[in-house]
Amino acid sequence: MPDSDRCALLANPHIRLSGTVDQDMYESFRTQLLACPASGPIVVTITTLGGDPEVARTMGDDIRLLREQGARDILFLGKVAVYSAGATFMASFPVDCRFLTKATRLMIHERQLYKTMNVDGPLRSCVAALKATLHQIEHSILIEEEGFRAIVKGSKVDFETMRDRAPENWYIDCHEALELGLVHDVI
């Protein structure tokens, strides 16, 4: 699809998401997705300060399945703020299908874990609880790295740079995102 046609489509998105990435957003996403035309390209726009990365991955998987089964163009348009779980969602779109509006910022960071552990009780149970938490952390890191690889795929940013910048909450304005090849265009 020519870029001029894409820009015209981006002005009138089919799916508009705003707010926290959570189950309510997912329900809104599914409802709007079902209302989309049966053929032709679909435009999804999001503005978010973040939320649940697993919900973002779920929405992204829905997009992937639709793209693979229907061979449809599905375009991503980030508006104003695409932080955290919003960037996770963006990663499910190929770079040539990613767009940002002017003055939009991406923010990419490491996954967070807030957990207090009481080591209390039978020793074997204590060891099992500690191992379970360690496994949770290890697998969360693997999932995080899969997401980082998806965000940088097809861009000028390598995985190591993404992984090294994420701990400091990497804010990327739309023009830098374009220069880095993380998005196709800024509109």
Foldseek 3Di string as FASTA:
>chain_A
DDPVVVVVAQVPAQAEEEEELDVVSLVSLVVSVVVDDPDEEGEHEYEYQYYDLVSLVVSLVVVVVCCVVHVYQYAYEYEAEQEYSSLLNLLSHPQARYEYEANYKYWAAADDDDDDDDQDDDPVVSVVVVVVVVVVVVVSVVVSLVSLCSQCVQWQDDSVNSVVCRHVTDMAGRVRCVVRSSHVYYD
